[in-house]
Amino acid sequence: MADSQQIDEGTGAKKSTKAERTAARLAKQIGSFSKAHGGAEAQVAYIGQRGARIVLVGEDGGWGDLVAPTHAIAEQAVQRAGVTVHEDFDGDFAAKVKTGPYEWTRMAGIQLGGPSNG
């Protein structure tokens, strides 16, 4: 008796189309960030089942992040946006980040006498 397997070709195409749309949306957001900050660089980090985090650092020191559902979609988005991608968030890349009072109180909060984060 021959083994048979049912293949649903539509499901793969739907997932591919959804992934393309997600990457395009993220690339548009990255492009907007880059334009607003005089250019941008990125780092993509795997965050488990949640997907991948795209950390953006603008030429003016502004920073932000986005979350993609998969590492592949994140990589595709930064490639489409045309930004420089770093392997790690360290060294000269990390030194470009400028933080202000808000970030310091949110990151250090109670230790520096700032407002609690709770």
PDB file of N, CA and C in Angstrom:
ATOM      1  N   MET A   1       0.840  -1.159   0.000  1.00  0.00           N
ATOM      2  CA  MET A   1       0.000   0.000   0.000  1.00  0.00           C
ATOM      3  C   MET A   1       0.896   1.237   0.000  1.00  0.00           C
ATOM      4  N   ALA A   2       0.590   2.196  -0.808  1.00  0.00           N
ATOM      5  CA  ALA A   2       1.392   3.412  -0.928  1.00  0.00           C
ATOM      6  C   ALA A   2       0.970   4.425   0.128  1.00  0.00           C
ATOM      7  N   ASP A   3       1.953   5.110   0.645  1.00  0.00           N
ATOM      8  CA  ASP A   3       1.669   6.190   1.584  1.00  0.00           C
ATOM      9  C   ASP A   3       1.218   7.411   0.809  1.00  0.00           C
ATOM     10  N   SER A   4       0.244   8.079   1.344  1.00  0.00           N
ATOM     11  CA  SER A   4      -0.205   9.301   0.692  1.00  0.00           C
ATOM     12  C   SER A   4      -0.165  10.437   1.702  1.00  0.00           C
ATOM     13  N   GLN A   5      -0.007  11.607   1.170  1.00  0.00           N
ATOM     14  CA  GLN A   5       0.062  12.773   2.033  1.00  0.00           C
ATOM     15  C   GLN A   5      -0.717  13.894   1.369  1.00  0.00           C
ATOM     16  N   GLN A   6      -1.559  14.527   2.135  1.00  0.00           N
ATOM     17  CA  GLN A   6      -2.333  15.640   1.602  1.00  0.00           C
ATOM     18  C   GLN A   6      -1.519  16.913   1.797  1.00  0.00           C
ATOM     19  N   ILE A   7      -1.400  17.676   0.741  1.00  0.00           N
ATOM     20  CA  ILE A   7      -0.641  18.915   0.788  1.00  0.00           C
ATOM     21  C   ILE A   7      -1.585  20.071   0.539  1.00  0.00           C
ATOM     22  N   ASP A   8      -1.591  21.013   1.454  1.00  0.00           N
ATOM     23  CA  ASP A   8      -2.419  22.203   1.296  1.00  0.00           C
ATOM     24  C   ASP A   8      -1.513  23.316   0.792  1.00  0.00           C
ATOM     25  N   GLU A   9      -1.477  23.486  -0.527  1.00  0.00           N
ATOM     26  CA  GLU A   9      -0.594  24.469  -1.131  1.00  0.00           C
ATOM     27  C   GLU A   9      -1.003  25.895  -0.794  1.00  0.00           C
ATOM     28  N   GLY A  10      -2.261  26.129  -0.522  1.00  0.00           N
ATOM     29  CA  GLY A  10      -2.748  27.467  -0.220  1.00  0.00           C
ATOM     30  C   GLY A  10      -2.202  28.015   1.090  1.00  0.00           C
ATOM     31  N   THR A  11      -2.012  27.160   2.082  1.00  0.00           N
ATOM     32  CA  THR A  11      -1.546  27.600   3.384  1.00  0.00           C
ATOM     33  C   THR A  11      -0.143  28.189   3.302  1.00  0.00           C
ATOM     34  N   GLY A  12       0.754  27.540   2.592  1.00  0.00           N
ATOM     35  CA  GLY A  12       2.121  28.047   2.441  1.00  0.00           C
ATOM     36  C   GLY A  12       2.147  29.383   1.724  1.00  0.00           C
ATOM     37  N   ALA A  13       1.317  29.526   0.711  1.00  0.00           N
ATOM     38  CA  ALA A  13       1.256  30.779  -0.039  1.00  0.00           C
ATOM     39  C   ALA A  13       0.698  31.904   0.825  1.00  0.00           C
ATOM     40  N   LYS A  14      -0.310  31.585   1.661  1.00  0.00           N
ATOM     41  CA  LYS A  14      -0.885  32.593   2.553  1.00  0.00           C
ATOM     42  C   LYS A  14       0.143  33.059   3.574  1.00  0.00           C
ATOM     43  N   LYS A  15       0.899  32.112   4.149  1.00  0.00           N
ATOM     44  CA  LYS A  15       1.930  32.468   5.127  1.00  0.00           C
ATOM     45  C   LYS A  15       3.009  33.315   4.489  1.00  0.00           C
ATOM     46  N   SER A  16       3.383  32.964   3.269  1.00  0.00           N
ATOM     47  CA  SER A  16       4.407  33.719   2.553  1.00  0.00           C
ATOM     48  C   SER A  16       3.941  35.144   2.266  1.00  0.00           C
ATOM     49  N   THR A  17       2.713  35.291   1.838  1.00  0.00           N
ATOM     50  CA  THR A  17       2.153  36.610   1.548  1.00  0.00           C
ATOM     51  C   THR A  17       2.067  37.442   2.810  1.00  0.00           C
ATOM     52  N   LYS A  18       1.632  36.832   3.904  1.00  0.00           N
ATOM     53  CA  LYS A  18       1.538  37.545   5.177  1.00  0.00           C
ATOM     54  C   LYS A  18       2.925  37.977   5.639  1.00  0.00           C
ATOM     55  N   ALA A  19       3.913  37.109   5.490  1.00  0.00           N
ATOM     56  CA  ALA A  19       5.281  37.446   5.883  1.00  0.00           C
ATOM     57  C   ALA A  19       5.822  38.602   5.047  1.00  0.00           C
ATOM     58  N   GLU A  20       5.514  38.589   3.764  1.00  0.00           N
ATOM     59  CA  GLU A  20       5.937  39.675   2.872  1.00  0.00           C
ATOM     60  C   GLU A  20       5.322  41.008   3.293  1.00  0.00           C
ATOM     61  N   ARG A  21       4.035  40.974   3.607  1.00  0.00           N
ATOM     62  CA  ARG A  21       3.354  42.206   4.040  1.00  0.00           C
ATOM     63  C   ARG A  21       3.921  42.714   5.363  1.00  0.00           C
ATOM     64  N   THR A  22       4.201  41.806   6.284  1.00  0.00           N
ATOM     65  CA  THR A  22       4.763  42.182   7.575  1.00  0.00           C
ATOM     66  C   THR A  22       6.144  42.792   7.397  1.00  0.00           C
ATOM     67  N   ALA A  23       6.987  42.175   6.573  1.00  0.00           N
ATOM     68  CA  ALA A  23       8.329  42.706   6.313  1.00  0.00           C
ATOM     69  C   ALA A  23       8.244  44.080   5.651  1.00  0.00           C
ATOM     70  N   ALA A  24       7.311  44.249   4.729  1.00  0.00           N
ATOM     71  CA  ALA A  24       7.143  45.544   4.055  1.00  0.00           C
ATOM     72  C   ALA A  24       6.696  46.620   5.041  1.00  0.00           C
ATOM     73  N   ARG A  25       5.779  46.285   5.945  1.00  0.00           N
ATOM     74  CA  ARG A  25       5.301  47.232   6.955  1.00  0.00           C
ATOM     75  C   ARG A  25       6.437  47.637   7.884  1.00  0.00           C
ATOM     76  N   LEU A  26       7.219  46.655   8.347  1.00  0.00           N
ATOM     77  CA  LEU A  26       8.356  46.947   9.222  1.00  0.00           C
ATOM     78  C   LEU A  26       9.407  47.793   8.498  1.00  0.00           C
ATOM     79  N   ALA A  27       9.665  47.469   7.236  1.00  0.00           N
ATOM     80  CA  ALA A  27      10.641  48.235   6.451  1.00  0.00           C
ATOM     81  C   ALA A  27      10.201  49.688   6.310  1.00  0.00           C
ATOM     82  N   LYS A  28       8.904  49.897   6.136  1.00  0.00           N
ATOM     83  CA  LYS A  28       8.373  51.254   6.039  1.00  0.00           C
ATOM     84  C   LYS A  28       8.580  52.008   7.357  1.00  0.00           C
ATOM     85  N   GLN A  29       8.340  51.339   8.484  1.00  0.00           N
ATOM     86  CA  GLN A  29       8.548  51.953   9.791  1.00  0.00           C
ATOM     87  C   GLN A  29      10.031  52.255  10.023  1.00  0.00           C
ATOM     88  N   ILE A  30      10.902  51.349   9.615  1.00  0.00           N
ATOM     89  CA  ILE A  30      12.338  51.564   9.749  1.00  0.00           C
ATOM     90  C   ILE A  30      12.756  52.750   8.895  1.00  0.00           C
ATOM     91  N   GLY A  31      12.237  52.811   7.676  1.00  0.00           N
ATOM     92  CA  GLY A  31      12.541  53.927   6.784  1.00  0.00           C
ATOM     93  C   GLY A  31      12.092  55.258   7.353  1.00  0.00           C
ATOM     94  N   SER A  32      10.921  55.285   7.964  1.00  0.00           N
ATOM     95  CA  SER A  32      10.409  56.507   8.590  1.00  0.00           C
ATOM     96  C   SER A  32      11.300  56.936   9.748  1.00  0.00           C
ATOM     97  N   PHE A  33      11.715  55.980  10.556  1.00  0.00           N
ATOM     98  CA  PHE A  33      12.621  56.273  11.669  1.00  0.00           C
ATOM     99  C   PHE A  33      13.930  56.837  11.135  1.00  0.00           C
ATOM    100  N   SER A  34      14.470  56.188  10.124  1.00  0.00           N
ATOM    101  CA  SER A  34      15.732  56.616   9.522  1.00  0.00           C
ATOM    102  C   SER A  34      15.631  58.045   8.990  1.00  0.00           C
ATOM    103  N   LYS A  35      14.554  58.338   8.311  1.00  0.00           N
ATOM    104  CA  LYS A  35      14.352  59.677   7.751  1.00  0.00           C
ATOM    105  C   LYS A  35      14.253  60.729   8.860  1.00  0.00           C
ATOM    106  N   ALA A  36      13.554  60.393   9.933  1.00  0.00           N
ATOM    107  CA  ALA A  36      13.360  61.326  11.043  1.00  0.00           C
ATOM    108  C   ALA A  36      14.636  61.564  11.850  1.00  0.00           C
ATOM    109  N   HIS A  37      15.588  60.637  11.773  1.00  0.00           N
ATOM    110  CA  HIS A  37      16.793  60.734  12.602  1.00  0.00           C
ATOM    111  C   HIS A  37      18.071  60.891  11.787  1.00  0.00           C
ATOM    112  N   GLY A  38      17.947  61.297  10.538  1.00  0.00           N
ATOM    113  CA  GLY A  38      19.129  61.553   9.717  1.00  0.00           C
ATOM    114  C   GLY A  38      19.891  60.310   9.310  1.00  0.00           C
ATOM    115  N   GLY A  39      19.218  59.177   9.250  1.00  0.00           N
ATOM    116  CA  GLY A  39      19.846  57.896   8.933  1.00  0.00           C
ATOM    117  C   GLY A  39      19.731  56.983  10.143  1.00  0.00           C
ATOM    118  N   ALA A  40      19.946  55.705   9.933  1.00  0.00           N
ATOM    119  CA  ALA A  40      19.829  54.759  11.040  1.00  0.00           C
ATOM    120  C   ALA A  40      20.656  53.513  10.787  1.00  0.00           C
ATOM    121  N   GLU A  41      20.968  52.848  11.876  1.00  0.00           N
ATOM    122  CA  GLU A  41      21.621  51.545  11.845  1.00  0.00           C
ATOM    123  C   GLU A  41      20.780  50.617  12.709  1.00  0.00           C
ATOM    124  N   ALA A  42      20.938  49.312  12.524  1.00  0.00           N
ATOM    125  CA  ALA A  42      20.080  48.365  13.233  1.00  0.00           C
ATOM    126  C   ALA A  42      20.861  47.162  13.738  1.00  0.00           C
ATOM    127  N   GLN A  43      20.245  46.473  14.676  1.00  0.00           N
ATOM    128  CA  GLN A  43      20.737  45.191  15.167  1.00  0.00           C
ATOM    129  C   GLN A  43      19.514  44.314  15.377  1.00  0.00           C
ATOM    130  N   VAL A  44      19.570  43.083  14.910  1.00  0.00           N
ATOM    131  CA  VAL A  44      18.447  42.149  15.039  1.00  0.00           C
ATOM    132  C   VAL A  44      18.825  41.088  16.067  1.00  0.00           C
ATOM    133  N   ALA A  45      17.955  40.911  17.062  1.00  0.00           N
ATOM    134  CA  ALA A  45      18.214  39.936  18.126  1.00  0.00           C
ATOM    135  C   ALA A  45      17.037  38.976  18.252  1.00  0.00           C
ATOM    136  N   TYR A  46      17.333  37.699  18.335  1.00  0.00           N
ATOM    137  CA  TYR A  46      16.313  36.669  18.528  1.00  0.00           C
ATOM    138  C   TYR A  46      15.786  36.774  19.951  1.00  0.00           C
ATOM    139  N   ILE A  47      14.471  36.801  20.129  1.00  0.00           N
ATOM    140  CA  ILE A  47      13.890  36.897  21.475  1.00  0.00           C
ATOM    141  C   ILE A  47      12.981  35.713  21.794  1.00  0.00           C
ATOM    142  N   GLY A  48      13.291  34.571  21.238  1.00  0.00           N
ATOM    143  CA  GLY A  48      12.535  33.361  21.547  1.00  0.00           C
ATOM    144  C   GLY A  48      11.293  33.215  20.705  1.00  0.00           C
ATOM    145  N   GLN A  49      10.272  32.586  21.274  1.00  0.00           N
ATOM    146  CA  GLN A  49       9.038  32.341  20.539  1.00  0.00           C
ATOM    147  C   GLN A  49       8.365  33.623  20.086  1.00  0.00           C
ATOM    148  N   ARG A  50       8.656  34.719  20.745  1.00  0.00           N
ATOM    149  CA  ARG A  50       8.053  36.008  20.411  1.00  0.00           C
ATOM    150  C   ARG A  50       8.544  36.516  19.068  1.00  0.00           C
ATOM    151  N   GLY A  51       9.730  36.101  18.633  1.00  0.00           N
ATOM    152  CA  GLY A  51      10.247  36.530  17.341  1.00  0.00           C
ATOM    153  C   GLY A  51      11.625  37.143  17.432  1.00  0.00           C
ATOM    154  N   ALA A  52      11.759  38.356  16.879  1.00  0.00           N
ATOM    155  CA  ALA A  52      13.045  39.040  16.855  1.00  0.00           C
ATOM    156  C   ALA A  52      12.837  40.526  17.109  1.00  0.00           C
ATOM    157  N   ARG A  53      13.786  41.111  17.806  1.00  0.00           N
ATOM    158  CA  ARG A  53      13.735  42.538  18.125  1.00  0.00           C
ATOM    159  C   ARG A  53      14.684  43.269  17.186  1.00  0.00           C
ATOM    160  N   ILE A  54      14.178  44.327  16.559  1.00  0.00           N
ATOM    161  CA  ILE A  54      15.005  45.173  15.698  1.00  0.00           C
ATOM    162  C   ILE A  54      15.280  46.451  16.484  1.00  0.00           C
ATOM    163  N   VAL A  55      16.537  46.632  16.898  1.00  0.00           N
ATOM    164  CA  VAL A  55      16.922  47.841  17.627  1.00  0.00           C
ATOM    165  C   VAL A  55      17.467  48.826  16.598  1.00  0.00           C
ATOM    166  N   LEU A  56      16.928  50.040  16.609  1.00  0.00           N
ATOM    167  CA  LEU A  56      17.328  51.076  15.666  1.00  0.00           C
ATOM    168  C   LEU A  56      18.026  52.211  16.405  1.00  0.00           C
ATOM    169  N   VAL A  57      19.126  52.693  15.837  1.00  0.00           N
ATOM    170  CA  VAL A  57      19.835  53.842  16.392  1.00  0.00           C
ATOM    171  C   VAL A  57      20.013  54.842  15.261  1.00  0.00           C
ATOM    172  N   GLY A  58      19.473  56.039  15.476  1.00  0.00           N
ATOM    173  CA  GLY A  58      19.571  57.090  14.472  1.00  0.00           C
ATOM    174  C   GLY A  58      20.907  57.797  14.525  1.00  0.00           C
ATOM    175  N   GLU A  59      21.241  58.496  13.465  1.00  0.00           N
ATOM    176  CA  GLU A  59      22.484  59.255  13.409  1.00  0.00           C
ATOM    177  C   GLU A  59      22.520  60.363  14.458  1.00  0.00           C
ATOM    178  N   ASP A  60      21.344  60.810  14.896  1.00  0.00           N
ATOM    179  CA  ASP A  60      21.273  61.851  15.918  1.00  0.00           C
ATOM    180  C   ASP A  60      21.296  61.283  17.342  1.00  0.00           C
ATOM    181  N   GLY A  61      21.431  59.966  17.475  1.00  0.00           N
ATOM    182  CA  GLY A  61      21.483  59.325  18.785  1.00  0.00           C
ATOM    183  C   GLY A  61      20.140  58.834  19.279  1.00  0.00           C
ATOM    184  N   GLY A  62      19.063  59.195  18.584  1.00  0.00           N
ATOM    185  CA  GLY A  62      17.742  58.691  18.954  1.00  0.00           C
ATOM    186  C   GLY A  62      17.669  57.192  18.717  1.00  0.00           C
ATOM    187  N   TRP A  63      16.861  56.512  19.489  1.00  0.00           N
ATOM    188  CA  TRP A  63      16.775  55.065  19.320  1.00  0.00           C
ATOM    189  C   TRP A  63      15.348  54.580  19.535  1.00  0.00           C
ATOM    190  N   GLY A  64      15.102  53.390  19.061  1.00  0.00           N
ATOM    191  CA  GLY A  64      13.804  52.761  19.205  1.00  0.00           C
ATOM    192  C   GLY A  64      13.915  51.299  18.824  1.00  0.00           C
ATOM    193  N   ASP A  65      12.830  50.591  18.932  1.00  0.00           N
ATOM    194  CA  ASP A  65      12.857  49.189  18.535  1.00  0.00           C
ATOM    195  C   ASP A  65      11.511  48.750  18.007  1.00  0.00           C
ATOM    196  N   LEU A  66      11.549  47.669  17.268  1.00  0.00           N
ATOM    197  CA  LEU A  66      10.365  47.033  16.699  1.00  0.00           C
ATOM    198  C   LEU A  66      10.480  45.538  16.966  1.00  0.00           C
ATOM    199  N   VAL A  67       9.364  44.839  16.995  1.00  0.00           N
ATOM    200  CA  VAL A  67       9.384  43.391  17.154  1.00  0.00           C
ATOM    201  C   VAL A  67       8.768  42.760  15.916  1.00  0.00           C
ATOM    202  N   ALA A  68       9.496  41.816  15.342  1.00  0.00           N
ATOM    203  CA  ALA A  68       9.022  41.057  14.177  1.00  0.00           C
ATOM    204  C   ALA A  68       8.637  39.654  14.650  1.00  0.00           C
ATOM    205  N   PRO A  69       7.670  39.020  14.000  1.00  0.00           N
ATOM    206  CA  PRO A  69       7.236  37.692  14.442  1.00  0.00           C
ATOM    207  C   PRO A  69       8.285  36.591  14.261  1.00  0.00           C
ATOM    208  N   THR A  70       9.221  36.789  13.335  1.00  0.00           N
ATOM    209  CA  THR A  70      10.302  35.812  13.146  1.00  0.00           C
ATOM    210  C   THR A  70      11.604  36.542  12.846  1.00  0.00           C
ATOM    211  N   HIS A  71      12.697  35.850  13.066  1.00  0.00           N
ATOM    212  CA  HIS A  71      14.015  36.431  12.768  1.00  0.00           C
ATOM    213  C   HIS A  71      14.154  36.667  11.259  1.00  0.00           C
ATOM    214  N   ALA A  72      13.634  35.762  10.460  1.00  0.00           N
ATOM    215  CA  ALA A  72      13.715  35.895   8.997  1.00  0.00           C
ATOM    216  C   ALA A  72      12.981  37.149   8.511  1.00  0.00           C
ATOM    217  N   ILE A  73      11.816  37.423   9.071  1.00  0.00           N
ATOM    218  CA  ILE A  73      11.068  38.612   8.680  1.00  0.00           C
ATOM    219  C   ILE A  73      11.818  39.869   9.109  1.00  0.00           C
ATOM    220  N   ALA A  74      12.416  39.848  10.294  1.00  0.00           N
ATOM    221  CA  ALA A  74      13.203  40.992  10.765  1.00  0.00           C
ATOM    222  C   ALA A  74      14.376  41.257   9.827  1.00  0.00           C
ATOM    223  N   GLU A  75      15.078  40.207   9.443  1.00  0.00           N
ATOM    224  CA  GLU A  75      16.215  40.348   8.526  1.00  0.00           C
ATOM    225  C   GLU A  75      15.757  40.901   7.177  1.00  0.00           C
ATOM    226  N   GLN A  76      14.636  40.402   6.704  1.00  0.00           N
ATOM    227  CA  GLN A  76      14.093  40.868   5.431  1.00  0.00           C
ATOM    228  C   GLN A  76      13.709  42.350   5.520  1.00  0.00           C
ATOM    229  N   ALA A  77      13.140  42.756   6.639  1.00  0.00           N
ATOM    230  CA  ALA A  77      12.712  44.151   6.818  1.00  0.00           C
ATOM    231  C   ALA A  77      13.900  45.108   6.826  1.00  0.00           C
ATOM    232  N   VAL A  78      14.964  44.779   7.564  1.00  0.00           N
ATOM    233  CA  VAL A  78      16.118  45.688   7.607  1.00  0.00           C
ATOM    234  C   VAL A  78      16.816  45.734   6.253  1.00  0.00           C
ATOM    235  N   GLN A  79      16.811  44.611   5.545  1.00  0.00           N
ATOM    236  CA  GLN A  79      17.409  44.585   4.211  1.00  0.00           C
ATOM    237  C   GLN A  79      16.614  45.474   3.258  1.00  0.00           C
ATOM    238  N   ARG A  80      15.290  45.366   3.298  1.00  0.00           N
ATOM    239  CA  ARG A  80      14.433  46.204   2.449  1.00  0.00           C
ATOM    240  C   ARG A  80      14.593  47.683   2.767  1.00  0.00           C
ATOM    241  N   ALA A  81      14.770  48.000   4.055  1.00  0.00           N
ATOM    242  CA  ALA A  81      14.897  49.396   4.479  1.00  0.00           C
ATOM    243  C   ALA A  81      16.256  49.979   4.088  1.00  0.00           C
ATOM    244  N   GLY A  82      17.219  49.121   3.823  1.00  0.00           N
ATOM    245  CA  GLY A  82      18.537  49.584   3.384  1.00  0.00           C
ATOM    246  C   GLY A  82      19.400  50.182   4.475  1.00  0.00           C
ATOM    247  N   VAL A  83      19.205  49.749   5.722  1.00  0.00           N
ATOM    248  CA  VAL A  83      20.037  50.260   6.815  1.00  0.00           C
ATOM    249  C   VAL A  83      21.190  49.302   7.094  1.00  0.00           C
ATOM    250  N   THR A  84      22.245  49.836   7.685  1.00  0.00           N
ATOM    251  CA  THR A  84      23.380  49.013   8.089  1.00  0.00           C
ATOM    252  C   THR A  84      22.954  48.149   9.264  1.00  0.00           C
ATOM    253  N   VAL A  85      23.290  46.865   9.225  1.00  0.00           N
ATOM    254  CA  VAL A  85      22.913  45.939  10.289  1.00  0.00           C
ATOM    255  C   VAL A  85      24.172  45.466  11.004  1.00  0.00           C
ATOM    256  N   HIS A  86      24.156  45.546  12.331  1.00  0.00           N
ATOM    257  CA  HIS A  86      25.271  45.100  13.163  1.00  0.00           C
ATOM    258  C   HIS A  86      24.956  43.740  13.764  1.00  0.00           C
ATOM    259  N   GLU A  87      25.996  42.945  13.951  1.00  0.00           N
ATOM    260  CA  GLU A  87      25.832  41.620  14.563  1.00  0.00           C
ATOM    261  C   GLU A  87      25.515  41.740  16.050  1.00  0.00           C
ATOM    262  N   ASP A  88      26.173  42.676  16.731  1.00  0.00           N
ATOM    263  CA  ASP A  88      26.013  42.850  18.170  1.00  0.00           C
ATOM    264  C   ASP A  88      25.710  44.298  18.503  1.00  0.00           C
ATOM    265  N   PHE A  89      25.141  44.493  19.675  1.00  0.00           N
ATOM    266  CA  PHE A  89      24.861  45.846  20.144  1.00  0.00           C
ATOM    267  C   PHE A  89      25.956  46.228  21.134  1.00  0.00           C
ATOM    268  N   ASP A  90      27.119  46.566  20.599  1.00  0.00           N
ATOM    269  CA  ASP A  90      28.229  46.937  21.464  1.00  0.00           C
ATOM    270  C   ASP A  90      29.167  47.898  20.738  1.00  0.00           C
ATOM    271  N   GLY A  91      30.196  48.334  21.421  1.00  0.00           N
ATOM    272  CA  GLY A  91      31.222  49.179  20.826  1.00  0.00           C
ATOM    273  C   GLY A  91      30.713  50.500  20.308  1.00  0.00           C
ATOM    274  N   ASP A  92      31.192  50.872  19.129  1.00  0.00           N
ATOM    275  CA  ASP A  92      30.848  52.154  18.522  1.00  0.00           C
ATOM    276  C   ASP A  92      29.352  52.288  18.265  1.00  0.00           C
ATOM    277  N   PHE A  93      28.704  51.184  17.935  1.00  0.00           N
ATOM    278  CA  PHE A  93      27.271  51.222  17.664  1.00  0.00           C
ATOM    279  C   PHE A  93      26.496  51.610  18.922  1.00  0.00           C
ATOM    280  N   ALA A  94      26.782  50.966  20.029  1.00  0.00           N
ATOM    281  CA  ALA A  94      26.095  51.269  21.291  1.00  0.00           C
ATOM    282  C   ALA A  94      26.418  52.677  21.772  1.00  0.00           C
ATOM    283  N   ALA A  95      27.625  53.149  21.487  1.00  0.00           N
ATOM    284  CA  ALA A  95      28.030  54.482  21.925  1.00  0.00           C
ATOM    285  C   ALA A  95      27.255  55.590  21.220  1.00  0.00           C
ATOM    286  N   LYS A  96      26.613  55.288  20.107  1.00  0.00           N
ATOM    287  CA  LYS A  96      25.834  56.291  19.381  1.00  0.00           C
ATOM    288  C   LYS A  96      24.519  56.643  20.079  1.00  0.00           C
ATOM    289  N   VAL A  97      24.047  55.773  20.968  1.00  0.00           N
ATOM    290  CA  VAL A  97      22.766  55.981  21.639  1.00  0.00           C
ATOM    291  C   VAL A  97      22.887  57.132  22.637  1.00  0.00           C
ATOM    292  N   LYS A  98      21.968  58.084  22.519  1.00  0.00           N
ATOM    293  CA  LYS A  98      21.900  59.199  23.475  1.00  0.00           C
ATOM    294  C   LYS A  98      20.669  58.999  24.343  1.00  0.00           C
ATOM    295  N   THR A  99      20.874  59.043  25.644  1.00  0.00           N
ATOM    296  CA  THR A  99      19.757  58.898  26.562  1.00  0.00           C
ATOM    297  C   THR A  99      19.552  60.196  27.323  1.00  0.00           C
ATOM    298  N   GLY A 100      18.349  60.401  27.746  1.00  0.00           N
ATOM    299  CA  GLY A 100      18.001  61.602  28.494  1.00  0.00           C
ATOM    300  C   GLY A 100      17.476  61.241  29.867  1.00  0.00           C
ATOM    301  N   PRO A 101      16.964  62.224  30.571  1.00  0.00           N
ATOM    302  CA  PRO A 101      16.447  61.989  31.927  1.00  0.00           C
ATOM    303  C   PRO A 101      15.352  60.924  31.978  1.00  0.00           C
ATOM    304  N   TYR A 102      14.488  60.914  30.976  1.00  0.00           N
ATOM    305  CA  TYR A 102      13.409  59.929  30.976  1.00  0.00           C
ATOM    306  C   TYR A 102      13.968  58.508  30.998  1.00  0.00           C
ATOM    307  N   GLU A 103      14.911  58.219  30.106  1.00  0.00           N
ATOM    308  CA  GLU A 103      15.477  56.874  30.036  1.00  0.00           C
ATOM    309  C   GLU A 103      16.188  56.505  31.335  1.00  0.00           C
ATOM    310  N   TRP A 104      16.917  57.456  31.924  1.00  0.00           N
ATOM    311  CA  TRP A 104      17.647  57.171  33.156  1.00  0.00           C
ATOM    312  C   TRP A 104      16.689  56.854  34.295  1.00  0.00           C
ATOM    313  N   THR A 105      15.593  57.580  34.407  1.00  0.00           N
ATOM    314  CA  THR A 105      14.660  57.276  35.492  1.00  0.00           C
ATOM    315  C   THR A 105      13.931  55.970  35.228  1.00  0.00           C
ATOM    316  N   ARG A 106      13.630  55.659  33.983  1.00  0.00           N
ATOM    317  CA  ARG A 106      12.957  54.401  33.672  1.00  0.00           C
ATOM    318  C   ARG A 106      13.883  53.209  33.861  1.00  0.00           C
ATOM    319  N   MET A 107      15.159  53.360  33.524  1.00  0.00           N
ATOM    320  CA  MET A 107      16.096  52.241  33.644  1.00  0.00           C
ATOM    321  C   MET A 107      16.591  52.071  35.075  1.00  0.00           C
ATOM    322  N   ALA A 108      16.852  53.179  35.778  1.00  0.00           N
ATOM    323  CA  ALA A 108      17.428  53.096  37.106  1.00  0.00           C
ATOM    324  C   ALA A 108      16.388  53.335  38.195  1.00  0.00           C
ATOM    325  N   GLY A 109      15.339  54.085  37.876  1.00  0.00           N
ATOM    326  CA  GLY A 109      14.222  54.311  38.772  1.00  0.00           C
ATOM    327  C   GLY A 109      14.562  54.505  40.233  1.00  0.00           C
ATOM    328  N   ILE A 110      14.244  53.529  41.036  1.00  0.00           N
ATOM    329  CA  ILE A 110      14.377  53.620  42.480  1.00  0.00           C
ATOM    330  C   ILE A 110      15.838  53.837  42.897  1.00  0.00           C
ATOM    331  N   GLN A 111      16.785  53.198  42.206  1.00  0.00           N
ATOM    332  CA  GLN A 111      18.189  53.301  42.590  1.00  0.00           C
ATOM    333  C   GLN A 111      18.683  54.747  42.557  1.00  0.00           C
ATOM    334  N   LEU A 112      18.169  55.563  41.647  1.00  0.00           N
ATOM    335  CA  LEU A 112      18.610  56.958  41.527  1.00  0.00           C
ATOM    336  C   LEU A 112      17.626  57.921  42.167  1.00  0.00           C
ATOM    337  N   GLY A 113      16.630  57.405  42.841  1.00  0.00           N
ATOM    338  CA  GLY A 113      15.656  58.265  43.470  1.00  0.00           C
ATOM    339  C   GLY A 113      14.580  58.746  42.511  1.00  0.00           C
ATOM    340  N   GLY A 114      14.532  58.130  41.342  1.00  0.00           N
ATOM    341  CA  GLY A 114      13.519  58.510  40.359  1.00  0.00           C
ATOM    342  C   GLY A 114      12.193  57.844  40.670  1.00  0.00           C
ATOM    343  N   PRO A 115      11.197  58.098  39.849  1.00  0.00           N
ATOM    344  CA  PRO A 115       9.881  57.488  40.082  1.00  0.00           C
ATOM    345  C   PRO A 115       9.953  55.969  39.929  1.00  0.00           C
ATOM    346  N   SER A 116       9.143  55.295  40.688  1.00  0.00           N
ATOM    347  CA  SER A 116       9.125  53.827  40.566  1.00  0.00           C
ATOM    348  C   SER A 116       8.501  53.455  39.236  1.00  0.00           C
ATOM    349  N   ASN A 117       8.829  52.291  38.763  1.00  0.00           N
ATOM    350  CA  ASN A 117       8.316  51.816  37.473  1.00  0.00           C
ATOM    351  C   ASN A 117       7.050  50.992  37.649  1.00  0.00           C
ATOM    352  N   GLY A 118       6.502  50.963  38.824  1.00  0.00           N
ATOM    353  CA  GLY A 118       5.364  50.093  39.087  1.00  0.00           C
ATOM    354  C   GLY A 118       4.053  50.707  39.023  1.00  0.00           C
TER     355      GLY A 118
END
